Every structure is written in structure tokens, then in C-alpha cells.
């Protein structure tokens, strides 16, 4: 694998890490729920559930991208060791 492909793989990993950090800071953990839920609290909980599902989906996409990149890096390392 060429040095350009290695640089590209590293860039993809760095981009994935930046997206993960941005998602984490954009969606801080929700405060602990009250003992007496109200309509507003129920709406907040529904919104939080939607955010959690979005985060889970984004995490899965990033996990797959990182796994692909790591496979590429394993190939690079294998080629360099030969």
C-alpha cells in the first residue's frame, strides 16, 4: 500500500474521531428524571430517546468505518512486514 493510501486511512480515522467528539458534545447526557413525570417531562424523555437512537445509529456507522479502516491498516502493516 502506498504512503498516500496510508495517509488517507489515517485521515479517515481522524475524521471519524472528530465526528464522534462532535456528537458527544452536541448531545450531552440528559438530567436525571423527576419522580413525578409531567407532560413536559414525557416530551423531553421522548426527545431524549430520539437523540439516543440517533447517537446509536451514528455510533454504529462510525464503528463500521473504523473497522474498515483498521482492516486497511492491517493490510498495510502486513505488506510492510513482508
C-alpha atoms as a PDB file:
ATOM      1  CA  UNK A   1       0.000   0.000   0.000  1.00  0.00           C
ATOM      2  CA  UNK A   2       1.329   3.417  -0.888  1.00  0.00           C
ATOM      3  CA  UNK A   3       2.092   6.165   1.559  1.00  0.00           C
ATOM      4  CA  UNK A   4      -0.794   8.166   0.103  1.00  0.00           C
ATOM      5  CA  UNK A   5      -3.258   5.388   0.993  1.00  0.00           C
ATOM      6  CA  UNK A   6      -1.821   5.178   4.495  1.00  0.00           C
ATOM      7  CA  UNK A   7      -2.248   8.935   4.903  1.00  0.00           C
ATOM      8  CA  UNK A   8      -5.803   8.641   3.579  1.00  0.00           C
ATOM      9  CA  UNK A   9      -6.606   5.865   6.078  1.00  0.00           C
ATOM     10  CA  UNK A  10      -5.197   7.895   8.956  1.00  0.00           C
ATOM     11  CA  UNK A  11      -7.200  10.903   7.797  1.00  0.00           C
ATOM     12  CA  UNK A  12     -10.392   8.836   7.774  1.00  0.00           C
ATOM     13  CA  UNK A  13      -9.719   7.686  11.331  1.00  0.00           C
ATOM     14  CA  UNK A  14      -9.049  11.240  12.468  1.00  0.00           C
ATOM     15  CA  UNK A  15     -12.270  12.431  10.791  1.00  0.00           C
ATOM     16  CA  UNK A  16     -14.242   9.667  12.498  1.00  0.00           C
ATOM     17  CA  UNK A  17     -12.791  10.650  15.863  1.00  0.00           C
ATOM     18  CA  UNK A  18     -13.721  14.299  15.273  1.00  0.00           C
ATOM     19  CA  UNK A  19     -17.292  13.306  14.364  1.00  0.00           C
ATOM     20  CA  UNK A  20     -17.561  11.153  17.483  1.00  0.00           C
ATOM     21  CA  UNK A  21     -16.341  14.037  19.647  1.00  0.00           C
ATOM     22  CA  UNK A  22     -18.759  16.461  17.974  1.00  0.00           C
ATOM     23  CA  UNK A  23     -21.677  14.066  18.514  1.00  0.00           C
ATOM     24  CA  UNK A  24     -20.730  13.644  22.165  1.00  0.00           C
ATOM     25  CA  UNK A  25     -20.563  17.398  22.816  1.00  0.00           C
ATOM     26  CA  UNK A  26     -23.712  18.132  20.770  1.00  0.00           C
ATOM     27  CA  UNK A  27     -25.750  15.603  22.768  1.00  0.00           C
ATOM     28  CA  UNK A  28     -24.820  15.865  26.455  1.00  0.00           C
ATOM     29  CA  UNK A  29     -26.382  13.379  28.859  1.00  0.00           C
ATOM     30  CA  UNK A  30     -29.908  14.201  29.964  1.00  0.00           C
ATOM     31  CA  UNK A  31     -30.535  15.205  33.584  1.00  0.00           C
ATOM     32  CA  UNK A  32     -31.981  12.574  35.902  1.00  0.00           C
ATOM     33  CA  UNK A  33     -35.778  12.358  35.557  1.00  0.00           C
ATOM     34  CA  UNK A  34     -38.084  13.606  38.329  1.00  0.00           C
ATOM     35  CA  UNK A  35     -40.176  11.210  40.407  1.00  0.00           C
ATOM     36  CA  UNK A  36     -43.370  12.851  39.124  1.00  0.00           C
ATOM     37  CA  UNK A  37     -43.328  12.922  35.315  1.00  0.00           C
ATOM     38  CA  UNK A  38     -45.294  15.695  33.650  1.00  0.00           C
ATOM     39  CA  UNK A  39     -46.267  16.201  30.028  1.00  0.00           C
ATOM     40  CA  UNK A  40     -43.168  18.311  29.521  1.00  0.00           C
ATOM     41  CA  UNK A  41     -41.018  15.638  31.143  1.00  0.00           C
ATOM     42  CA  UNK A  42     -42.609  12.969  28.938  1.00  0.00           C
ATOM     43  CA  UNK A  43     -41.930  15.095  25.853  1.00  0.00           C
ATOM     44  CA  UNK A  44     -38.339  15.612  26.977  1.00  0.00           C
ATOM     45  CA  UNK A  45     -37.953  11.881  27.518  1.00  0.00           C
ATOM     46  CA  UNK A  46     -39.277  11.168  24.015  1.00  0.00           C
ATOM     47  CA  UNK A  47     -36.878  13.739  22.555  1.00  0.00           C
ATOM     48  CA  UNK A  48     -34.015  12.214  24.531  1.00  0.00           C
ATOM     49  CA  UNK A  49     -34.958   8.750  23.269  1.00  0.00           C
ATOM     50  CA  UNK A  50     -34.846  10.035  19.698  1.00  0.00           C
ATOM     51  CA  UNK A  51     -31.424  11.592  20.361  1.00  0.00           C
ATOM     52  CA  UNK A  52     -30.179   8.356  21.868  1.00  0.00           C
ATOM     53  CA  UNK A  53     -31.327   6.396  18.812  1.00  0.00           C
ATOM     54  CA  UNK A  54     -29.591   8.919  16.562  1.00  0.00           C
ATOM     55  CA  UNK A  55     -26.416   8.530  18.593  1.00  0.00           C
ATOM     56  CA  UNK A  56     -26.673   4.744  18.469  1.00  0.00           C
ATOM     57  CA  UNK A  57     -27.075   4.828  14.688  1.00  0.00           C
ATOM     58  CA  UNK A  58     -24.193   7.282  14.289  1.00  0.00           C
ATOM     59  CA  UNK A  59     -22.046   5.161  16.573  1.00  0.00           C
ATOM     60  CA  UNK A  60     -22.749   2.057  14.508  1.00  0.00           C
ATOM     61  CA  UNK A  61     -21.843   3.845  11.262  1.00  0.00           C
ATOM     62  CA  UNK A  62     -18.615   5.162  12.790  1.00  0.00           C
ATOM     63  CA  UNK A  63     -17.804   1.746  14.274  1.00  0.00           C
ATOM     64  CA  UNK A  64     -18.154   0.165  10.830  1.00  0.00           C
ATOM     65  CA  UNK A  65     -16.000   2.870   9.239  1.00  0.00           C
ATOM     66  CA  UNK A  66     -13.310   2.459  11.880  1.00  0.00           C
ATOM     67  CA  UNK A  67     -13.419  -1.338  11.479  1.00  0.00           C
ATOM     68  CA  UNK A  68     -12.958  -0.940   7.712  1.00  0.00           C
ATOM     69  CA  UNK A  69     -10.072   1.448   8.250  1.00  0.00           C
ATOM     70  CA  UNK A  70      -8.428  -0.879  10.744  1.00  0.00           C
ATOM     71  CA  UNK A  71      -8.697  -3.728   8.221  1.00  0.00           C
ATOM     72  CA  UNK A  72      -6.981  -1.490   5.679  1.00  0.00           C
ATOM     73  CA  UNK A  73      -4.260  -0.632   8.194  1.00  0.00           C
ATOM     74  CA  UNK A  74      -3.775  -4.330   8.979  1.00  0.00           C
ATOM     75  CA  UNK A  75      -3.214  -4.861   5.261  1.00  0.00           C
ATOM     76  CA  UNK A  76      -0.692  -2.029   5.165  1.00  0.00           C
ATOM     77  CA  UNK A  77       1.176  -3.435   8.129  1.00  0.00           C
ATOM     78  CA  UNK A  78       1.170  -6.908   6.597  1.00  0.00           C
ATOM     79  CA  UNK A  79       2.610  -5.524   3.357  1.00  0.00           C
ATOM     80  CA  UNK A  80       5.293  -3.581   5.220  1.00  0.00           C
ATOM     81  CA  UNK A  81       6.317  -6.653   7.208  1.00  0.00           C
ATOM     82  CA  UNK A  82       6.857  -8.722   4.055  1.00  0.00           C
END
